[in-house]
Amino acid sequence: MARSSRMSVNKRLRERKKAEKAELKREQKKLAGQSEREPGTPVAAPEDLEGYGVLVAPGGDAEED
């Protein structure tokens, strides 16, 4: 009978270890998902966007009709 009891204890220990590992992984994923910048702040500066051609600088090479 002692062996059966020991097996149950080992099973519970394995399950607890697995649950703790999953919780740690969820926490790390949660922390990784949070950005370090404040909400509402721009990701790229206007100068960066102009360099990529997304924004046109005022008074620049834009053609007006």
PDB file of N, CA and C in Angstrom:
ATOM      1  N   MET A   1       0.801  -1.208   0.000  1.00  0.00           N
ATOM      2  CA  MET A   1       0.000   0.000   0.000  1.00  0.00           C
ATOM      3  C   MET A   1       0.842   1.271   0.000  1.00  0.00           C
ATOM      4  N   ALA A   2       1.995   1.194   0.558  1.00  0.00           N
ATOM      5  CA  ALA A   2       2.830   2.385   0.642  1.00  0.00           C
ATOM      6  C   ALA A   2       3.206   2.894  -0.738  1.00  0.00           C
ATOM      7  N   ARG A   3       3.402   1.985  -1.671  1.00  0.00           N
ATOM      8  CA  ARG A   3       3.798   2.383  -3.016  1.00  0.00           C
ATOM      9  C   ARG A   3       2.677   3.178  -3.682  1.00  0.00           C
ATOM     10  N   SER A   4       1.457   2.740  -3.521  1.00  0.00           N
ATOM     11  CA  SER A   4       0.317   3.433  -4.126  1.00  0.00           C
ATOM     12  C   SER A   4       0.205   4.857  -3.587  1.00  0.00           C
ATOM     13  N   SER A   5       0.393   5.024  -2.307  1.00  0.00           N
ATOM     14  CA  SER A   5       0.316   6.336  -1.683  1.00  0.00           C
ATOM     15  C   SER A   5       1.429   7.242  -2.211  1.00  0.00           C
ATOM     16  N   ARG A   6       2.618   6.678  -2.339  1.00  0.00           N
ATOM     17  CA  ARG A   6       3.754   7.438  -2.825  1.00  0.00           C
ATOM     18  C   ARG A   6       3.523   7.876  -4.273  1.00  0.00           C
ATOM     19  N   MET A   7       2.925   7.004  -5.067  1.00  0.00           N
ATOM     20  CA  MET A   7       2.644   7.344  -6.454  1.00  0.00           C
ATOM     21  C   MET A   7       1.655   8.504  -6.527  1.00  0.00           C
ATOM     22  N   SER A   8       0.675   8.525  -5.660  1.00  0.00           N
ATOM     23  CA  SER A   8      -0.300   9.615  -5.645  1.00  0.00           C
ATOM     24  C   SER A   8       0.365  10.941  -5.275  1.00  0.00           C
ATOM     25  N   VAL A   9       1.249  10.869  -4.314  1.00  0.00           N
ATOM     26  CA  VAL A   9       1.970  12.076  -3.900  1.00  0.00           C
ATOM     27  C   VAL A   9       2.824  12.587  -5.040  1.00  0.00           C
ATOM     28  N   ASN A  10       3.524  11.694  -5.713  1.00  0.00           N
ATOM     29  CA  ASN A  10       4.363  12.092  -6.843  1.00  0.00           C
ATOM     30  C   ASN A  10       3.519  12.684  -7.958  1.00  0.00           C
ATOM     31  N   LYS A  11       2.354  12.120  -8.186  1.00  0.00           N
ATOM     32  CA  LYS A  11       1.469  12.638  -9.233  1.00  0.00           C
ATOM     33  C   LYS A  11       1.024  14.056  -8.897  1.00  0.00           C
ATOM     34  N   ARG A  12       0.640  14.278  -7.652  1.00  0.00           N
ATOM     35  CA  ARG A  12       0.230  15.628  -7.240  1.00  0.00           C
ATOM     36  C   ARG A  12       1.382  16.613  -7.364  1.00  0.00           C
ATOM     37  N   LEU A  13       2.579  16.186  -7.017  1.00  0.00           N
ATOM     38  CA  LEU A  13       3.747  17.060  -7.150  1.00  0.00           C
ATOM     39  C   LEU A  13       4.008  17.414  -8.607  1.00  0.00           C
ATOM     40  N   ARG A  14       3.886  16.418  -9.503  1.00  0.00           N
ATOM     41  CA  ARG A  14       4.075  16.684 -10.934  1.00  0.00           C
ATOM     42  C   ARG A  14       3.024  17.661 -11.445  1.00  0.00           C
ATOM     43  N   GLU A  15       1.785  17.443 -11.034  1.00  0.00           N
ATOM     44  CA  GLU A  15       0.705  18.329 -11.482  1.00  0.00           C
ATOM     45  C   GLU A  15       0.914  19.751 -10.967  1.00  0.00           C
ATOM     46  N   ARG A  16       1.331  19.884  -9.713  1.00  0.00           N
ATOM     47  CA  ARG A  16       1.571  21.217  -9.149  1.00  0.00           C
ATOM     48  C   ARG A  16       2.707  21.911  -9.882  1.00  0.00           C
ATOM     49  N   LYS A  17       3.777  21.169 -10.157  1.00  0.00           N
ATOM     50  CA  LYS A  17       4.923  21.734 -10.870  1.00  0.00           C
ATOM     51  C   LYS A  17       4.512  22.183 -12.272  1.00  0.00           C
ATOM     52  N   LYS A  18       3.693  21.380 -12.933  1.00  0.00           N
ATOM     53  CA  LYS A  18       3.218  21.716 -14.274  1.00  0.00           C
ATOM     54  C   LYS A  18       2.338  22.964 -14.229  1.00  0.00           C
ATOM     55  N   ALA A  19       1.471  23.064 -13.219  1.00  0.00           N
ATOM     56  CA  ALA A  19       0.599  24.228 -13.089  1.00  0.00           C
ATOM     57  C   ALA A  19       1.410  25.489 -12.796  1.00  0.00           C
ATOM     58  N   GLU A  20       2.431  25.365 -11.949  1.00  0.00           N
ATOM     59  CA  GLU A  20       3.279  26.521 -11.646  1.00  0.00           C
ATOM     60  C   GLU A  20       4.044  26.982 -12.881  1.00  0.00           C
ATOM     61  N   LYS A  21       4.499  26.036 -13.671  1.00  0.00           N
ATOM     62  CA  LYS A  21       5.221  26.377 -14.896  1.00  0.00           C
ATOM     63  C   LYS A  21       4.301  27.101 -15.870  1.00  0.00           C
ATOM     64  N   ALA A  22       3.059  26.625 -15.985  1.00  0.00           N
ATOM     65  CA  ALA A  22       2.098  27.269 -16.876  1.00  0.00           C
ATOM     66  C   ALA A  22       1.764  28.678 -16.384  1.00  0.00           C
ATOM     67  N   GLU A  23       1.618  28.856 -15.074  1.00  0.00           N
ATOM     68  CA  GLU A  23       1.336  30.177 -14.512  1.00  0.00           C
ATOM     69  C   GLU A  23       2.491  31.129 -14.767  1.00  0.00           C
ATOM     70  N   LEU A  24       3.710  30.658 -14.596  1.00  0.00           N
ATOM     71  CA  LEU A  24       4.890  31.484 -14.856  1.00  0.00           C
ATOM     72  C   LEU A  24       4.932  31.904 -16.321  1.00  0.00           C
ATOM     73  N   LYS A  25       4.610  30.974 -17.207  1.00  0.00           N
ATOM     74  CA  LYS A  25       4.605  31.270 -18.633  1.00  0.00           C
ATOM     75  C   LYS A  25       3.543  32.318 -18.968  1.00  0.00           C
ATOM     76  N   ARG A  26       2.352  32.209 -18.345  1.00  0.00           N
ATOM     77  CA  ARG A  26       1.295  33.204 -18.566  1.00  0.00           C
ATOM     78  C   ARG A  26       1.725  34.581 -18.081  1.00  0.00           C
ATOM     79  N   GLU A  27       2.369  34.624 -16.925  1.00  0.00           N
ATOM     80  CA  GLU A  27       2.846  35.902 -16.386  1.00  0.00           C
ATOM     81  C   GLU A  27       3.886  36.536 -17.301  1.00  0.00           C
ATOM     82  N   GLN A  28       4.819  35.728 -17.800  1.00  0.00           N
ATOM     83  CA  GLN A  28       5.846  36.254 -18.689  1.00  0.00           C
ATOM     84  C   GLN A  28       5.237  36.757 -19.985  1.00  0.00           C
ATOM     85  N   LYS A  29       4.258  36.037 -20.485  1.00  0.00           N
ATOM     86  CA  LYS A  29       3.590  36.446 -21.715  1.00  0.00           C
ATOM     87  C   LYS A  29       2.826  37.747 -21.490  1.00  0.00           C
ATOM     88  N   LYS A  30       2.203  37.865 -20.331  1.00  0.00           N
ATOM     89  CA  LYS A  30       1.456  39.072 -19.992  1.00  0.00           C
ATOM     90  C   LYS A  30       2.404  40.273 -19.905  1.00  0.00           C
ATOM     91  N   LEU A  31       3.542  40.086 -19.255  1.00  0.00           N
ATOM     92  CA  LEU A  31       4.510  41.174 -19.123  1.00  0.00           C
ATOM     93  C   LEU A  31       5.118  41.542 -20.467  1.00  0.00           C
ATOM     94  N   ALA A  32       5.344  40.572 -21.315  1.00  0.00           N
ATOM     95  CA  ALA A  32       5.920  40.837 -22.631  1.00  0.00           C
ATOM     96  C   ALA A  32       4.936  41.595 -23.508  1.00  0.00           C
ATOM     97  N   GLY A  33       3.651  41.369 -23.292  1.00  0.00           N
ATOM     98  CA  GLY A  33       2.625  42.030 -24.093  1.00  0.00           C
ATOM     99  C   GLY A  33       2.437  43.488 -23.743  1.00  0.00           C
ATOM    100  N   GLN A  34       2.827  43.867 -22.551  1.00  0.00           N
ATOM    101  CA  GLN A  34       2.691  45.258 -22.138  1.00  0.00           C
ATOM    102  C   GLN A  34       3.814  46.070 -22.758  1.00  0.00           C
ATOM    103  N   SER A  35       3.445  47.170 -23.373  1.00  0.00           N
ATOM    104  CA  SER A  35       4.476  48.010 -23.976  1.00  0.00           C
ATOM    105  C   SER A  35       5.033  48.963 -22.931  1.00  0.00           C
ATOM    106  N   GLU A  36       6.210  49.453 -23.178  1.00  0.00           N
ATOM    107  CA  GLU A  36       6.870  50.353 -22.238  1.00  0.00           C
ATOM    108  C   GLU A  36       6.476  51.802 -22.458  1.00  0.00           C
ATOM    109  N   ARG A  37       5.774  52.082 -23.540  1.00  0.00           N
ATOM    110  CA  ARG A  37       5.372  53.468 -23.797  1.00  0.00           C
ATOM    111  C   ARG A  37       3.984  53.713 -23.222  1.00  0.00           C
ATOM    112  N   GLU A  38       3.690  54.962 -22.993  1.00  0.00           N
ATOM    113  CA  GLU A  38       2.386  55.344 -22.459  1.00  0.00           C
ATOM    114  C   GLU A  38       1.332  55.227 -23.555  1.00  0.00           C
ATOM    115  N   PRO A  39       0.118  54.850 -23.199  1.00  0.00           N
ATOM    116  CA  PRO A  39      -0.946  54.786 -24.195  1.00  0.00           C
ATOM    117  C   PRO A  39      -1.203  56.165 -24.807  1.00  0.00           C
ATOM    118  N   GLY A  40      -1.398  56.208 -26.109  1.00  0.00           N
ATOM    119  CA  GLY A  40      -1.681  57.455 -26.789  1.00  0.00           C
ATOM    120  C   GLY A  40      -0.456  58.165 -27.327  1.00  0.00           C
ATOM    121  N   THR A  41       0.727  57.703 -26.984  1.00  0.00           N
ATOM    122  CA  THR A  41       1.931  58.340 -27.512  1.00  0.00           C
ATOM    123  C   THR A  41       2.222  57.780 -28.898  1.00  0.00           C
ATOM    124  N   PRO A  42       2.718  58.611 -29.799  1.00  0.00           N
ATOM    125  CA  PRO A  42       2.989  58.116 -31.154  1.00  0.00           C
ATOM    126  C   PRO A  42       4.130  57.101 -31.161  1.00  0.00           C
ATOM    127  N   VAL A  43       4.029  56.153 -32.056  1.00  0.00           N
ATOM    128  CA  VAL A  43       5.051  55.125 -32.166  1.00  0.00           C
ATOM    129  C   VAL A  43       6.239  55.636 -32.971  1.00  0.00           C
ATOM    130  N   ALA A  44       5.962  56.354 -34.045  1.00  0.00           N
ATOM    131  CA  ALA A  44       7.025  56.899 -34.886  1.00  0.00           C
ATOM    132  C   ALA A  44       6.903  58.422 -34.915  1.00  0.00           C
ATOM    133  N   ALA A  45       8.026  59.087 -34.998  1.00  0.00           N
ATOM    134  CA  ALA A  45       8.038  60.542 -35.084  1.00  0.00           C
ATOM    135  C   ALA A  45       7.598  60.961 -36.487  1.00  0.00           C
ATOM    136  N   PRO A  46       7.043  62.156 -36.615  1.00  0.00           N
ATOM    137  CA  PRO A  46       6.637  62.626 -37.949  1.00  0.00           C
ATOM    138  C   PRO A  46       7.788  62.613 -38.956  1.00  0.00           C
ATOM    139  N   GLU A  47       9.011  62.886 -38.493  1.00  0.00           N
ATOM    140  CA  GLU A  47      10.163  62.862 -39.396  1.00  0.00           C
ATOM    141  C   GLU A  47      10.389  61.445 -39.943  1.00  0.00           C
ATOM    142  N   ASP A  48      10.172  60.442 -39.093  1.00  0.00           N
ATOM    143  CA  ASP A  48      10.324  59.060 -39.545  1.00  0.00           C
ATOM    144  C   ASP A  48       9.288  58.734 -40.606  1.00  0.00           C
ATOM    145  N   LEU A  49       8.058  59.173 -40.390  1.00  0.00           N
ATOM    146  CA  LEU A  49       6.996  58.900 -41.354  1.00  0.00           C
ATOM    147  C   LEU A  49       7.251  59.605 -42.680  1.00  0.00           C
ATOM    148  N   GLU A  50       7.793  60.827 -42.627  1.00  0.00           N
ATOM    149  CA  GLU A  50       8.131  61.543 -43.861  1.00  0.00           C
ATOM    150  C   GLU A  50       9.224  60.789 -44.622  1.00  0.00           C
ATOM    151  N   GLY A  51      10.172  60.244 -43.894  1.00  0.00           N
ATOM    152  CA  GLY A  51      11.254  59.480 -44.526  1.00  0.00           C
ATOM    153  C   GLY A  51      10.740  58.241 -45.229  1.00  0.00           C
ATOM    154  N   TYR A  52       9.695  57.641 -44.677  1.00  0.00           N
ATOM    155  CA  TYR A  52       9.104  56.460 -45.301  1.00  0.00           C
ATOM    156  C   TYR A  52       8.149  56.821 -46.424  1.00  0.00           C
ATOM    157  N   GLY A  53       7.817  58.099 -46.550  1.00  0.00           N
ATOM    158  CA  GLY A  53       6.892  58.534 -47.586  1.00  0.00           C
ATOM    159  C   GLY A  53       5.436  58.425 -47.184  1.00  0.00           C
ATOM    160  N   VAL A  54       5.176  58.223 -45.907  1.00  0.00           N
ATOM    161  CA  VAL A  54       3.798  58.108 -45.432  1.00  0.00           C
ATOM    162  C   VAL A  54       3.179  59.492 -45.302  1.00  0.00           C
ATOM    163  N   LEU A  55       3.930  60.423 -44.769  1.00  0.00           N
ATOM    164  CA  LEU A  55       3.464  61.803 -44.622  1.00  0.00           C
ATOM    165  C   LEU A  55       4.202  62.692 -45.615  1.00  0.00           C
ATOM    166  N   VAL A  56       3.524  63.726 -46.047  1.00  0.00           N
ATOM    167  CA  VAL A  56       4.154  64.703 -46.935  1.00  0.00           C
ATOM    168  C   VAL A  56       4.383  65.960 -46.106  1.00  0.00           C
ATOM    169  N   ALA A  57       5.610  66.453 -46.148  1.00  0.00           N
ATOM    170  CA  ALA A  57       5.956  67.641 -45.378  1.00  0.00           C
ATOM    171  C   ALA A  57       5.206  68.848 -45.930  1.00  0.00           C
ATOM    172  N   PRO A  58       4.695  69.721 -45.060  1.00  0.00           N
ATOM    173  CA  PRO A  58       4.029  70.921 -45.541  1.00  0.00           C
ATOM    174  C   PRO A  58       5.012  71.814 -46.298  1.00  0.00           C
ATOM    175  N   GLY A  59       4.584  72.302 -47.464  1.00  0.00           N
ATOM    176  CA  GLY A  59       5.457  73.151 -48.273  1.00  0.00           C
ATOM    177  C   GLY A  59       6.541  72.359 -48.967  1.00  0.00           C
ATOM    178  N   GLY A  60       6.373  71.059 -49.007  1.00  0.00           N
ATOM    179  CA  GLY A  60       7.377  70.199 -49.626  1.00  0.00           C
ATOM    180  C   GLY A  60       7.130  70.041 -51.118  1.00  0.00           C
ATOM    181  N   ASP A  61       7.320  68.828 -51.596  1.00  0.00           N
ATOM    182  CA  ASP A  61       7.209  68.539 -53.019  1.00  0.00           C
ATOM    183  C   ASP A  61       5.793  68.190 -53.441  1.00  0.00           C
ATOM    184  N   ALA A  62       4.809  68.460 -52.630  1.00  0.00           N
ATOM    185  CA  ALA A  62       3.419  68.114 -52.966  1.00  0.00           C
ATOM    186  C   ALA A  62       2.899  69.011 -54.078  1.00  0.00           C
ATOM    187  N   GLU A  63       2.236  68.401 -55.051  1.00  0.00           N
ATOM    188  CA  GLU A  63       1.663  69.163 -56.171  1.00  0.00           C
ATOM    189  C   GLU A  63       0.247  69.560 -55.810  1.00  0.00           C
ATOM    190  N   GLU A  64      -0.085  70.805 -56.045  1.00  0.00           N
ATOM    191  CA  GLU A  64      -1.436  71.289 -55.778  1.00  0.00           C
ATOM    192  C   GLU A  64      -2.041  71.789 -57.081  1.00  0.00           C
ATOM    193  N   ASP A  65      -3.332  71.477 -57.302  1.00  0.00           N
ATOM    194  CA  ASP A  65      -4.015  71.917 -58.522  1.00  0.00           C
ATOM    195  C   ASP A  65      -4.884  73.106 -58.238  1.00  0.00           C
TER     196      ASP A  65
END
